[in-house]
Amino acid sequence: MAKQEERIVAGAQLLIRRIPYLGSIAYVPRGPLFSTGDPILVNLFINELLKFGTENNFRYIAIQPPRNGESTALQLLRWGFSPSAIEFAPSATVLIDLLPDLEVILAQMDKEARRNIRNGLRKGITVREGSEYDIPVFYRLLKSTSVRQKFLLYPERYYLEMWRALAPRGNLKLFIAEHDGDVVSTQLAVPFGDTLLNKMSVWSGRYGSLRPNEVLLWTAITWAKSHGYRYFDFEGIDSDIAKALLSKKIKVDSIKPSVTSFKLKFGGDVMLFPSAYEYVYNPSLRWVYNKLISMFNTSLTRRYMVDYIRSRF
């Protein structure tokens, strides 16, 4: 955090992980944040981050700037950072503008999404807000989803502590879709500024024909609008697909069924964020790291690395 006359002018959330046989690494997702784009302030802050890493024997630090953080990315390059193939936070997403009426938002969706929402509601899918007591059932569905989608998990206590830290102040929401009292799917959502972020949606794998996931997301969207939020952020789609869509090389209806195609059916605008930039402190280790990355630079390897780092709690 940086202050000027008791006013916060810059800040970053630095997440530190201890990796066996390597040491401490750190990453900054969607940061740093600055009150102004003053390059002097940006440079001072980056210098302090690197200095902090040296003082704490970091081996590696990655920084992924937030939306509109392109100028920060340029400064990172000047400080010796390199573009990273690893995404510590999504670099592409779908953003729904909640300013129009709900009927307009619904009309902007794919017709299949509209039909599925209506069918799910008609066939008895209901959604309620959850509490701390629902975290275990959320985690049970999260484990089911992790098996289907092949990703590593944080431990359950991570979500309990997240809830206890954020939910009492309204900074974390849990939506639960049910059918006849049976929990079908759940969603953790993070209210942040003028945006509600779909942090994680998980599904039991049951009642798929009733379209619970579409109803769950539509309920979160309507909740966000009714509570005065301007945007609903789906929090991540495939970045290569996002770039192809923005360059008009492909159309939404040509994308194979996936999490990305599912999110795109809800309409909204495809957005790109700056990619991550990384810095390896030791020159010899930097050489070894670059060699290993070039040898194992696949999407599956990158995803495993991020999941492994994140799940070390």
C-alpha atoms as a PDB file:
ATOM      1  CA  MET A   1       0.000   0.000   0.000  1.00  0.00           C
ATOM      2  CA  ALA A   2       1.230   3.524  -0.808  1.00  0.00           C
ATOM      3  CA  LYS A   3      -0.064   6.697   0.811  1.00  0.00           C
ATOM      4  CA  GLN A   4       0.215  10.380   0.073  1.00  0.00           C
ATOM      5  CA  GLU A   5      -0.770  12.617   2.987  1.00  0.00           C
ATOM      6  CA  GLU A   6      -2.771   9.773   4.587  1.00  0.00           C
ATOM      7  CA  ARG A   7      -4.602   9.105   1.316  1.00  0.00           C
ATOM      8  CA  ILE A   8      -4.153   5.667  -0.258  1.00  0.00           C
ATOM      9  CA  VAL A   9      -2.823   6.160  -3.798  1.00  0.00           C
ATOM     10  CA  ALA A  10      -1.740   2.618  -4.677  1.00  0.00           C
ATOM     11  CA  GLY A  11      -2.162  -0.917  -3.429  1.00  0.00           C
ATOM     12  CA  ALA A  12      -1.782  -4.565  -4.333  1.00  0.00           C
ATOM     13  CA  GLN A  13      -2.845  -7.901  -2.898  1.00  0.00           C
ATOM     14  CA  LEU A  14       0.310  -9.997  -2.815  1.00  0.00           C
ATOM     15  CA  LEU A  15      -0.348 -13.739  -2.519  1.00  0.00           C
ATOM     16  CA  ILE A  16       2.658 -15.725  -1.309  1.00  0.00           C
ATOM     17  CA  ARG A  17       3.126 -19.474  -1.666  1.00  0.00           C
ATOM     18  CA  ARG A  18       5.919 -21.756  -0.443  1.00  0.00           C
ATOM     19  CA  ILE A  19       6.887 -24.337  -3.083  1.00  0.00           C
ATOM     20  CA  PRO A  20       8.894 -27.394  -1.928  1.00  0.00           C
ATOM     21  CA  TYR A  21      12.563 -27.393  -3.047  1.00  0.00           C
ATOM     22  CA  LEU A  22      12.115 -23.977  -4.663  1.00  0.00           C
ATOM     23  CA  GLY A  23      11.190 -21.436  -2.011  1.00  0.00           C
ATOM     24  CA  SER A  24       8.699 -18.608  -1.906  1.00  0.00           C
ATOM     25  CA  ILE A  25       6.902 -17.313  -4.961  1.00  0.00           C
ATOM     26  CA  ALA A  26       4.311 -14.558  -5.137  1.00  0.00           C
ATOM     27  CA  TYR A  27       1.708 -13.237  -7.510  1.00  0.00           C
ATOM     28  CA  VAL A  28      -0.512 -10.194  -7.765  1.00  0.00           C
ATOM     29  CA  PRO A  29      -3.863 -10.947  -9.446  1.00  0.00           C
ATOM     30  CA  ARG A  30      -5.598  -7.940 -11.013  1.00  0.00           C
ATOM     31  CA  GLY A  31      -3.226  -5.391  -9.581  1.00  0.00           C
ATOM     32  CA  PRO A  32      -1.587  -3.155  -8.561  1.00  0.00           C
ATOM     33  CA  LEU A  33      -4.314  -0.516  -8.426  1.00  0.00           C
ATOM     34  CA  PHE A  34      -3.462   3.182  -8.648  1.00  0.00           C
ATOM     35  CA  SER A  35      -5.463   6.316  -7.930  1.00  0.00           C
ATOM     36  CA  THR A  36      -3.859   7.968 -10.970  1.00  0.00           C
ATOM     37  CA  GLY A  37      -1.847   6.836 -13.974  1.00  0.00           C
ATOM     38  CA  ASP A  38       1.179   8.846 -12.855  1.00  0.00           C
ATOM     39  CA  PRO A  39       4.195   6.873 -14.209  1.00  0.00           C
ATOM     40  CA  ILE A  40       6.355   8.051 -11.309  1.00  0.00           C
ATOM     41  CA  LEU A  41       3.915   6.484  -8.840  1.00  0.00           C
ATOM     42  CA  VAL A  42       3.714   3.280 -10.890  1.00  0.00           C
ATOM     43  CA  ASN A  43       7.516   2.986 -11.033  1.00  0.00           C
ATOM     44  CA  LEU A  44       7.947   3.661  -7.326  1.00  0.00           C
ATOM     45  CA  PHE A  45       5.390   1.003  -6.465  1.00  0.00           C
ATOM     46  CA  ILE A  46       6.881  -1.643  -8.766  1.00  0.00           C
ATOM     47  CA  ASN A  47      10.302  -0.912  -7.289  1.00  0.00           C
ATOM     48  CA  GLU A  48       8.935  -1.413  -3.773  1.00  0.00           C
ATOM     49  CA  LEU A  49       7.307  -4.715  -4.776  1.00  0.00           C
ATOM     50  CA  LEU A  50      10.575  -6.016  -6.174  1.00  0.00           C
ATOM     51  CA  LYS A  51      12.467  -4.761  -3.125  1.00  0.00           C
ATOM     52  CA  PHE A  52       9.972  -6.518  -0.840  1.00  0.00           C
ATOM     53  CA  GLY A  53      10.551  -9.728  -2.782  1.00  0.00           C
ATOM     54  CA  THR A  54      14.321  -9.433  -2.416  1.00  0.00           C
ATOM     55  CA  GLU A  55      14.043  -8.804   1.322  1.00  0.00           C
ATOM     56  CA  ASN A  56      11.803 -11.882   1.698  1.00  0.00           C
ATOM     57  CA  ASN A  57      13.866 -14.186  -0.522  1.00  0.00           C
ATOM     58  CA  PHE A  58      11.276 -14.579  -3.265  1.00  0.00           C
ATOM     59  CA  ARG A  59      12.338 -16.745  -6.163  1.00  0.00           C
ATOM     60  CA  TYR A  60       9.602 -15.555  -8.484  1.00  0.00           C
ATOM     61  CA  ILE A  61       6.883 -12.914  -8.687  1.00  0.00           C
ATOM     62  CA  ALA A  62       4.085 -12.547 -11.229  1.00  0.00           C
ATOM     63  CA  ILE A  63       1.899  -9.491 -11.717  1.00  0.00           C
ATOM     64  CA  GLN A  64      -1.306  -9.508 -13.739  1.00  0.00           C
ATOM     65  CA  PRO A  65      -2.586  -5.923 -14.127  1.00  0.00           C
ATOM     66  CA  PRO A  66      -6.305  -5.158 -13.855  1.00  0.00           C
ATOM     67  CA  ARG A  67      -8.646  -3.959 -16.559  1.00  0.00           C
ATOM     68  CA  ASN A  68      -7.276  -0.757 -18.118  1.00  0.00           C
ATOM     69  CA  GLY A  69      -3.838  -1.624 -16.757  1.00  0.00           C
ATOM     70  CA  GLU A  70      -1.977  -1.500 -20.078  1.00  0.00           C
ATOM     71  CA  SER A  71       0.256   1.366 -18.926  1.00  0.00           C
ATOM     72  CA  THR A  72       1.302  -0.672 -15.886  1.00  0.00           C
ATOM     73  CA  ALA A  73       2.164  -3.564 -18.200  1.00  0.00           C
ATOM     74  CA  LEU A  74       4.533  -1.323 -20.169  1.00  0.00           C
ATOM     75  CA  GLN A  75       6.284  -0.254 -16.984  1.00  0.00           C
ATOM     76  CA  LEU A  76       6.691  -3.897 -15.909  1.00  0.00           C
ATOM     77  CA  LEU A  77       8.562  -4.611 -19.133  1.00  0.00           C
ATOM     78  CA  ARG A  78      10.933  -1.743 -18.380  1.00  0.00           C
ATOM     79  CA  TRP A  79      11.667  -3.276 -14.973  1.00  0.00           C
ATOM     80  CA  GLY A  80      12.744  -6.578 -16.512  1.00  0.00           C
ATOM     81  CA  PHE A  81       9.493  -8.490 -16.298  1.00  0.00           C
ATOM     82  CA  SER A  82       8.655 -10.844 -19.168  1.00  0.00           C
ATOM     83  CA  PRO A  83       5.238 -11.777 -20.585  1.00  0.00           C
ATOM     84  CA  SER A  84       4.053 -14.975 -18.928  1.00  0.00           C
ATOM     85  CA  ALA A  85       2.212 -17.876 -20.524  1.00  0.00           C
ATOM     86  CA  ILE A  86       0.520 -18.486 -17.161  1.00  0.00           C
ATOM     87  CA  GLU A  87      -2.781 -16.806 -16.251  1.00  0.00           C
ATOM     88  CA  PHE A  88      -3.084 -16.202 -12.525  1.00  0.00           C
ATOM     89  CA  ALA A  89      -6.381 -14.414 -13.123  1.00  0.00           C
ATOM     90  CA  PRO A  90      -8.634 -14.631 -16.182  1.00  0.00           C
ATOM     91  CA  SER A  91      -7.415 -12.442 -19.047  1.00  0.00           C
ATOM     92  CA  ALA A  92     -10.767 -12.582 -20.844  1.00  0.00           C
ATOM     93  CA  THR A  93     -14.344 -12.473 -19.670  1.00  0.00           C
ATOM     94  CA  VAL A  94     -17.941 -11.689 -20.580  1.00  0.00           C
ATOM     95  CA  LEU A  95     -19.422  -8.567 -19.008  1.00  0.00           C
ATOM     96  CA  ILE A  96     -23.171  -7.941 -18.919  1.00  0.00           C
ATOM     97  CA  ASP A  97     -24.305  -4.325 -18.652  1.00  0.00           C
ATOM     98  CA  LEU A  98     -27.105  -4.259 -16.068  1.00  0.00           C
ATOM     99  CA  LEU A  99     -28.306  -0.744 -16.894  1.00  0.00           C
ATOM    100  CA  PRO A 100     -31.075  -1.845 -19.348  1.00  0.00           C
ATOM    101  CA  ASP A 101     -34.338  -3.368 -18.134  1.00  0.00           C
ATOM    102  CA  LEU A 102     -34.313  -7.074 -17.339  1.00  0.00           C
ATOM    103  CA  GLU A 103     -36.474  -7.768 -20.384  1.00  0.00           C
ATOM    104  CA  VAL A 104     -33.814  -6.157 -22.591  1.00  0.00           C
ATOM    105  CA  ILE A 105     -30.997  -8.094 -20.878  1.00  0.00           C
ATOM    106  CA  LEU A 106     -32.932 -11.320 -21.398  1.00  0.00           C
ATOM    107  CA  ALA A 107     -33.646 -10.473 -25.035  1.00  0.00           C
ATOM    108  CA  GLN A 108     -29.912 -10.004 -25.688  1.00  0.00           C
ATOM    109  CA  MET A 109     -29.228 -13.601 -24.718  1.00  0.00           C
ATOM    110  CA  ASP A 110     -29.070 -16.552 -27.064  1.00  0.00           C
ATOM    111  CA  LYS A 111     -32.588 -17.925 -27.656  1.00  0.00           C
ATOM    112  CA  GLU A 112     -31.513 -21.298 -26.242  1.00  0.00           C
ATOM    113  CA  ALA A 113     -30.424 -19.635 -22.989  1.00  0.00           C
ATOM    114  CA  ARG A 114     -33.768 -17.827 -22.712  1.00  0.00           C
ATOM    115  CA  ARG A 115     -35.662 -21.063 -23.344  1.00  0.00           C
ATOM    116  CA  ASN A 116     -33.585 -22.967 -20.795  1.00  0.00           C
ATOM    117  CA  ILE A 117     -34.142 -20.318 -18.112  1.00  0.00           C
ATOM    118  CA  ARG A 118     -37.898 -20.400 -18.633  1.00  0.00           C
ATOM    119  CA  ASN A 119     -38.013 -24.192 -18.721  1.00  0.00           C
ATOM    120  CA  GLY A 120     -35.955 -24.484 -15.548  1.00  0.00           C
ATOM    121  CA  LEU A 121     -38.209 -22.081 -13.678  1.00  0.00           C
ATOM    122  CA  ARG A 122     -41.334 -23.823 -14.965  1.00  0.00           C
ATOM    123  CA  LYS A 123     -40.019 -27.259 -13.975  1.00  0.00           C
ATOM    124  CA  GLY A 124     -39.393 -26.261 -10.380  1.00  0.00           C
ATOM    125  CA  ILE A 125     -35.808 -25.046 -10.101  1.00  0.00           C
ATOM    126  CA  THR A 126     -35.653 -22.510  -7.274  1.00  0.00           C
ATOM    127  CA  VAL A 127     -32.731 -20.405  -6.054  1.00  0.00           C
ATOM    128  CA  ARG A 128     -32.078 -19.134  -2.544  1.00  0.00           C
ATOM    129  CA  GLU A 129     -29.258 -17.252  -0.854  1.00  0.00           C
ATOM    130  CA  GLY A 130     -26.953 -19.460   1.182  1.00  0.00           C
ATOM    131  CA  SER A 131     -25.181 -19.004   4.507  1.00  0.00           C
ATOM    132  CA  GLU A 132     -22.058 -20.318   6.215  1.00  0.00           C
ATOM    133  CA  TYR A 133     -23.944 -23.537   6.953  1.00  0.00           C
ATOM    134  CA  ASP A 134     -24.183 -24.176   3.205  1.00  0.00           C
ATOM    135  CA  ILE A 135     -20.405 -24.065   2.587  1.00  0.00           C
ATOM    136  CA  PRO A 136     -20.036 -27.859   3.098  1.00  0.00           C
ATOM    137  CA  VAL A 137     -22.658 -28.610   0.433  1.00  0.00           C
ATOM    138  CA  PHE A 138     -21.028 -26.048  -1.873  1.00  0.00           C
ATOM    139  CA  TYR A 139     -17.722 -27.841  -1.348  1.00  0.00           C
ATOM    140  CA  ARG A 140     -19.296 -31.222  -2.072  1.00  0.00           C
ATOM    141  CA  LEU A 141     -20.519 -29.935  -5.430  1.00  0.00           C
ATOM    142  CA  LEU A 142     -17.148 -28.284  -6.026  1.00  0.00           C
ATOM    143  CA  LYS A 143     -15.436 -31.663  -5.646  1.00  0.00           C
ATOM    144  CA  SER A 144     -17.844 -33.207  -8.154  1.00  0.00           C
ATOM    145  CA  THR A 145     -17.128 -30.403 -10.619  1.00  0.00           C
ATOM    146  CA  SER A 146     -13.363 -30.716 -10.120  1.00  0.00           C
ATOM    147  CA  VAL A 147     -13.517 -34.389 -11.084  1.00  0.00           C
ATOM    148  CA  ARG A 148     -15.423 -33.613 -14.296  1.00  0.00           C
ATOM    149  CA  GLN A 149     -13.315 -30.597 -15.274  1.00  0.00           C
ATOM    150  CA  LYS A 150      -9.995 -31.894 -13.890  1.00  0.00           C
ATOM    151  CA  PHE A 151      -8.764 -29.077 -11.663  1.00  0.00           C
ATOM    152  CA  LEU A 152      -7.180 -29.039  -8.204  1.00  0.00           C
ATOM    153  CA  LEU A 153      -9.012 -27.788  -5.132  1.00  0.00           C
ATOM    154  CA  TYR A 154      -8.439 -25.412  -2.293  1.00  0.00           C
ATOM    155  CA  PRO A 155      -9.176 -27.121   1.040  1.00  0.00           C
ATOM    156  CA  GLU A 156     -12.671 -26.602   2.434  1.00  0.00           C
ATOM    157  CA  ARG A 157     -11.370 -24.390   5.244  1.00  0.00           C
ATOM    158  CA  TYR A 158     -10.258 -21.879   2.592  1.00  0.00           C
ATOM    159  CA  TYR A 159     -13.887 -21.225   1.672  1.00  0.00           C
ATOM    160  CA  LEU A 160     -14.998 -21.157   5.295  1.00  0.00           C
ATOM    161  CA  GLU A 161     -12.394 -18.516   6.115  1.00  0.00           C
ATOM    162  CA  MET A 162     -13.257 -16.609   2.957  1.00  0.00           C
ATOM    163  CA  TRP A 163     -16.891 -16.587   4.029  1.00  0.00           C
ATOM    164  CA  ARG A 164     -16.127 -15.457   7.565  1.00  0.00           C
ATOM    165  CA  ALA A 165     -13.860 -12.667   6.312  1.00  0.00           C
ATOM    166  CA  LEU A 166     -16.047 -11.326   3.497  1.00  0.00           C
ATOM    167  CA  ALA A 167     -19.693 -12.321   3.922  1.00  0.00           C
ATOM    168  CA  PRO A 168     -20.494 -10.376   7.139  1.00  0.00           C
ATOM    169  CA  ARG A 169     -19.779  -7.127   5.249  1.00  0.00           C
ATOM    170  CA  GLY A 170     -21.719  -8.199   2.169  1.00  0.00           C
ATOM    171  CA  ASN A 171     -18.603  -8.886   0.092  1.00  0.00           C
ATOM    172  CA  LEU A 172     -19.427 -12.520  -0.689  1.00  0.00           C
ATOM    173  CA  LYS A 173     -22.693 -14.126  -1.773  1.00  0.00           C
ATOM    174  CA  LEU A 174     -23.696 -17.754  -2.141  1.00  0.00           C
ATOM    175  CA  PHE A 175     -26.596 -18.671  -4.419  1.00  0.00           C
ATOM    176  CA  ILE A 176     -28.039 -22.190  -4.254  1.00  0.00           C
ATOM    177  CA  ALA A 177     -30.247 -23.798  -6.916  1.00  0.00           C
ATOM    178  CA  GLU A 178     -32.523 -26.586  -5.699  1.00  0.00           C
ATOM    179  CA  HIS A 179     -35.145 -28.976  -7.003  1.00  0.00           C
ATOM    180  CA  ASP A 180     -37.643 -30.170  -4.384  1.00  0.00           C
ATOM    181  CA  GLY A 181     -35.159 -29.232  -1.665  1.00  0.00           C
ATOM    182  CA  ASP A 182     -32.292 -31.123  -3.297  1.00  0.00           C
ATOM    183  CA  VAL A 183     -29.252 -28.909  -3.946  1.00  0.00           C
ATOM    184  CA  VAL A 184     -28.360 -29.078  -7.642  1.00  0.00           C
ATOM    185  CA  SER A 185     -25.873 -26.279  -8.259  1.00  0.00           C
ATOM    186  CA  THR A 186     -24.324 -23.378  -6.359  1.00  0.00           C
ATOM    187  CA  GLN A 187     -22.500 -20.163  -7.087  1.00  0.00           C
ATOM    188  CA  LEU A 188     -20.039 -18.040  -5.126  1.00  0.00           C
ATOM    189  CA  ALA A 189     -20.290 -14.425  -6.225  1.00  0.00           C
ATOM    190  CA  VAL A 190     -18.165 -11.467  -5.168  1.00  0.00           C
ATOM    191  CA  PRO A 191     -19.641  -7.945  -5.111  1.00  0.00           C
ATOM    192  CA  PHE A 192     -16.785  -5.584  -5.960  1.00  0.00           C
ATOM    193  CA  GLY A 193     -17.297  -1.910  -6.726  1.00  0.00           C
ATOM    194  CA  ASP A 194     -20.026  -1.640  -9.356  1.00  0.00           C
ATOM    195  CA  THR A 195     -19.700  -5.291 -10.423  1.00  0.00           C
ATOM    196  CA  LEU A 196     -20.913  -8.683  -9.229  1.00  0.00           C
ATOM    197  CA  LEU A 197     -18.317 -11.309 -10.161  1.00  0.00           C
ATOM    198  CA  ASN A 198     -19.263 -14.918 -10.788  1.00  0.00           C
ATOM    199  CA  LYS A 199     -16.335 -16.282  -8.809  1.00  0.00           C
ATOM    200  CA  MET A 200     -17.255 -19.939  -9.051  1.00  0.00           C
ATOM    201  CA  SER A 201     -20.300 -21.891 -10.244  1.00  0.00           C
ATOM    202  CA  VAL A 202     -20.434 -25.626  -9.484  1.00  0.00           C
ATOM    203  CA  TRP A 203     -22.904 -28.327 -10.430  1.00  0.00           C
ATOM    204  CA  SER A 204     -23.763 -31.728  -8.987  1.00  0.00           C
ATOM    205  CA  GLY A 205     -24.094 -33.236 -12.455  1.00  0.00           C
ATOM    206  CA  ARG A 206     -27.760 -34.088 -11.801  1.00  0.00           C
ATOM    207  CA  TYR A 207     -31.048 -32.694 -13.149  1.00  0.00           C
ATOM    208  CA  GLY A 208     -29.303 -31.408 -16.251  1.00  0.00           C
ATOM    209  CA  SER A 209     -32.517 -31.534 -18.280  1.00  0.00           C
ATOM    210  CA  LEU A 210     -34.060 -29.017 -15.861  1.00  0.00           C
ATOM    211  CA  ARG A 211     -31.353 -26.455 -16.697  1.00  0.00           C
ATOM    212  CA  PRO A 212     -30.454 -25.485 -13.096  1.00  0.00           C
ATOM    213  CA  ASN A 213     -27.242 -23.693 -14.068  1.00  0.00           C
ATOM    214  CA  GLU A 214     -29.004 -21.270 -16.392  1.00  0.00           C
ATOM    215  CA  VAL A 215     -31.590 -20.478 -13.709  1.00  0.00           C
ATOM    216  CA  LEU A 216     -28.828 -20.041 -11.121  1.00  0.00           C
ATOM    217  CA  LEU A 217     -26.935 -17.515 -13.235  1.00  0.00           C
ATOM    218  CA  TRP A 218     -30.058 -15.654 -14.273  1.00  0.00           C
ATOM    219  CA  THR A 219     -31.018 -15.308 -10.595  1.00  0.00           C
ATOM    220  CA  ALA A 220     -27.572 -13.909  -9.780  1.00  0.00           C
ATOM    221  CA  ILE A 221     -27.883 -11.435 -12.661  1.00  0.00           C
ATOM    222  CA  THR A 222     -31.324 -10.261 -11.492  1.00  0.00           C
ATOM    223  CA  TRP A 223     -30.053 -10.012  -7.896  1.00  0.00           C
ATOM    224  CA  ALA A 224     -27.136  -7.851  -9.033  1.00  0.00           C
ATOM    225  CA  LYS A 225     -29.403  -5.511 -10.963  1.00  0.00           C
ATOM    226  CA  SER A 226     -31.926  -5.210  -8.120  1.00  0.00           C
ATOM    227  CA  HIS A 227     -29.116  -4.300  -5.718  1.00  0.00           C
ATOM    228  CA  GLY A 228     -27.750  -1.506  -7.880  1.00  0.00           C
ATOM    229  CA  TYR A 229     -24.748  -3.127  -9.555  1.00  0.00           C
ATOM    230  CA  ARG A 230     -23.840  -1.928 -13.029  1.00  0.00           C
ATOM    231  CA  TYR A 231     -22.155  -5.073 -14.362  1.00  0.00           C
ATOM    232  CA  PHE A 232     -22.240  -8.830 -14.025  1.00  0.00           C
ATOM    233  CA  ASP A 233     -18.853 -10.401 -14.730  1.00  0.00           C
ATOM    234  CA  PHE A 234     -18.728 -14.085 -15.695  1.00  0.00           C
ATOM    235  CA  GLU A 235     -15.095 -14.101 -14.427  1.00  0.00           C
ATOM    236  CA  GLY A 236     -13.245 -15.825 -17.183  1.00  0.00           C
ATOM    237  CA  ILE A 237     -13.559 -17.365 -20.635  1.00  0.00           C
ATOM    238  CA  ASP A 238     -10.972 -18.899 -22.955  1.00  0.00           C
ATOM    239  CA  SER A 239      -8.666 -16.044 -23.985  1.00  0.00           C
ATOM    240  CA  ASP A 240      -7.921 -17.454 -27.455  1.00  0.00           C
ATOM    241  CA  ILE A 241     -11.635 -17.697 -28.213  1.00  0.00           C
ATOM    242  CA  ALA A 242     -12.177 -14.177 -26.874  1.00  0.00           C
ATOM    243  CA  LYS A 243      -9.475 -12.790 -29.174  1.00  0.00           C
ATOM    244  CA  ALA A 244     -10.931 -14.653 -32.161  1.00  0.00           C
ATOM    245  CA  LEU A 245     -14.403 -13.287 -31.413  1.00  0.00           C
ATOM    246  CA  LEU A 246     -13.167  -9.718 -31.064  1.00  0.00           C
ATOM    247  CA  SER A 247     -11.252  -9.967 -34.333  1.00  0.00           C
ATOM    248  CA  LYS A 248     -14.382 -11.485 -35.940  1.00  0.00           C
ATOM    249  CA  LYS A 249     -12.494 -14.606 -37.012  1.00  0.00           C
ATOM    250  CA  ILE A 250     -15.202 -16.822 -35.515  1.00  0.00           C
ATOM    251  CA  LYS A 251     -18.834 -16.532 -34.419  1.00  0.00           C
ATOM    252  CA  VAL A 252     -20.334 -17.594 -31.114  1.00  0.00           C
ATOM    253  CA  ASP A 253     -22.472 -20.323 -32.686  1.00  0.00           C
ATOM    254  CA  SER A 254     -19.343 -21.977 -34.152  1.00  0.00           C
ATOM    255  CA  ILE A 255     -17.727 -22.619 -30.753  1.00  0.00           C
ATOM    256  CA  LYS A 256     -17.731 -26.193 -29.490  1.00  0.00           C
ATOM    257  CA  PRO A 257     -19.723 -26.874 -26.280  1.00  0.00           C
ATOM    258  CA  SER A 258     -17.649 -25.788 -23.304  1.00  0.00           C
ATOM    259  CA  VAL A 259     -17.725 -23.559 -20.238  1.00  0.00           C
ATOM    260  CA  THR A 260     -16.845 -20.650 -22.527  1.00  0.00           C
ATOM    261  CA  SER A 261     -19.664 -21.320 -25.003  1.00  0.00           C
ATOM    262  CA  PHE A 262     -22.098 -21.670 -22.085  1.00  0.00           C
ATOM    263  CA  LYS A 263     -21.179 -18.238 -20.716  1.00  0.00           C
ATOM    264  CA  LEU A 264     -21.322 -16.603 -24.144  1.00  0.00           C
ATOM    265  CA  LYS A 265     -24.952 -17.652 -24.560  1.00  0.00           C
ATOM    266  CA  PHE A 266     -25.913 -15.104 -21.906  1.00  0.00           C
ATOM    267  CA  GLY A 267     -24.958 -12.201 -24.160  1.00  0.00           C
ATOM    268  CA  GLY A 268     -22.849  -9.336 -22.882  1.00  0.00           C
ATOM    269  CA  ASP A 269     -19.552  -7.962 -24.129  1.00  0.00           C
ATOM    270  CA  VAL A 270     -16.357  -9.950 -24.516  1.00  0.00           C
ATOM    271  CA  MET A 271     -13.550  -8.175 -22.669  1.00  0.00           C
ATOM    272  CA  LEU A 272      -9.775  -8.671 -22.612  1.00  0.00           C
ATOM    273  CA  PHE A 273      -7.553  -7.887 -19.625  1.00  0.00           C
ATOM    274  CA  PRO A 274      -3.758  -7.554 -19.621  1.00  0.00           C
ATOM    275  CA  SER A 275      -1.870 -10.836 -19.395  1.00  0.00           C
ATOM    276  CA  ALA A 276       0.490 -11.703 -16.565  1.00  0.00           C
ATOM    277  CA  TYR A 277       4.137 -10.615 -16.389  1.00  0.00           C
ATOM    278  CA  GLU A 278       6.750 -12.531 -14.434  1.00  0.00           C
ATOM    279  CA  TYR A 279      10.129 -11.863 -12.835  1.00  0.00           C
ATOM    280  CA  VAL A 280      12.615 -14.522 -11.729  1.00  0.00           C
ATOM    281  CA  TYR A 281      15.086 -13.062  -9.224  1.00  0.00           C
ATOM    282  CA  ASN A 282      18.054 -15.378  -9.691  1.00  0.00           C
ATOM    283  CA  PRO A 283      19.610 -15.192 -13.206  1.00  0.00           C
ATOM    284  CA  SER A 284      20.617 -18.871 -13.200  1.00  0.00           C
ATOM    285  CA  LEU A 285      17.180 -19.951 -12.024  1.00  0.00           C
ATOM    286  CA  ARG A 286      15.677 -17.668 -14.669  1.00  0.00           C
ATOM    287  CA  TRP A 287      17.559 -19.548 -17.395  1.00  0.00           C
ATOM    288  CA  VAL A 288      16.390 -22.933 -16.055  1.00  0.00           C
ATOM    289  CA  TYR A 289      12.823 -21.692 -15.698  1.00  0.00           C
ATOM    290  CA  ASN A 290      12.699 -20.399 -19.278  1.00  0.00           C
ATOM    291  CA  LYS A 291      14.024 -23.728 -20.563  1.00  0.00           C
ATOM    292  CA  LEU A 292      11.410 -25.697 -18.620  1.00  0.00           C
ATOM    293  CA  ILE A 293       8.596 -23.412 -19.723  1.00  0.00           C
ATOM    294  CA  SER A 294       9.585 -23.801 -23.368  1.00  0.00           C
ATOM    295  CA  MET A 295       9.596 -27.599 -22.957  1.00  0.00           C
ATOM    296  CA  PHE A 296       6.286 -27.927 -21.109  1.00  0.00           C
ATOM    297  CA  ASN A 297       4.345 -24.921 -22.376  1.00  0.00           C
ATOM    298  CA  THR A 298       0.931 -26.520 -22.907  1.00  0.00           C
ATOM    299  CA  SER A 299      -2.456 -25.258 -21.734  1.00  0.00           C
ATOM    300  CA  LEU A 300      -2.874 -28.316 -19.507  1.00  0.00           C
ATOM    301  CA  THR A 301       0.532 -27.800 -17.878  1.00  0.00           C
ATOM    302  CA  ARG A 302      -0.145 -24.098 -17.334  1.00  0.00           C
ATOM    303  CA  ARG A 303      -3.513 -24.847 -15.779  1.00  0.00           C
ATOM    304  CA  TYR A 304      -2.015 -27.488 -13.493  1.00  0.00           C
ATOM    305  CA  MET A 305       0.696 -25.067 -12.349  1.00  0.00           C
ATOM    306  CA  VAL A 306      -1.823 -22.372 -11.468  1.00  0.00           C
ATOM    307  CA  ASP A 307      -4.149 -24.831  -9.720  1.00  0.00           C
ATOM    308  CA  TYR A 308      -1.206 -26.242  -7.762  1.00  0.00           C
ATOM    309  CA  ILE A 309      -0.016 -22.833  -6.639  1.00  0.00           C
ATOM    310  CA  ARG A 310      -3.501 -21.621  -5.746  1.00  0.00           C
ATOM    311  CA  SER A 311      -4.415 -24.775  -3.839  1.00  0.00           C
ATOM    312  CA  ARG A 312      -1.400 -24.527  -1.525  1.00  0.00           C
ATOM    313  CA  PHE A 313      -3.128 -22.911   1.421  1.00  0.00           C
END
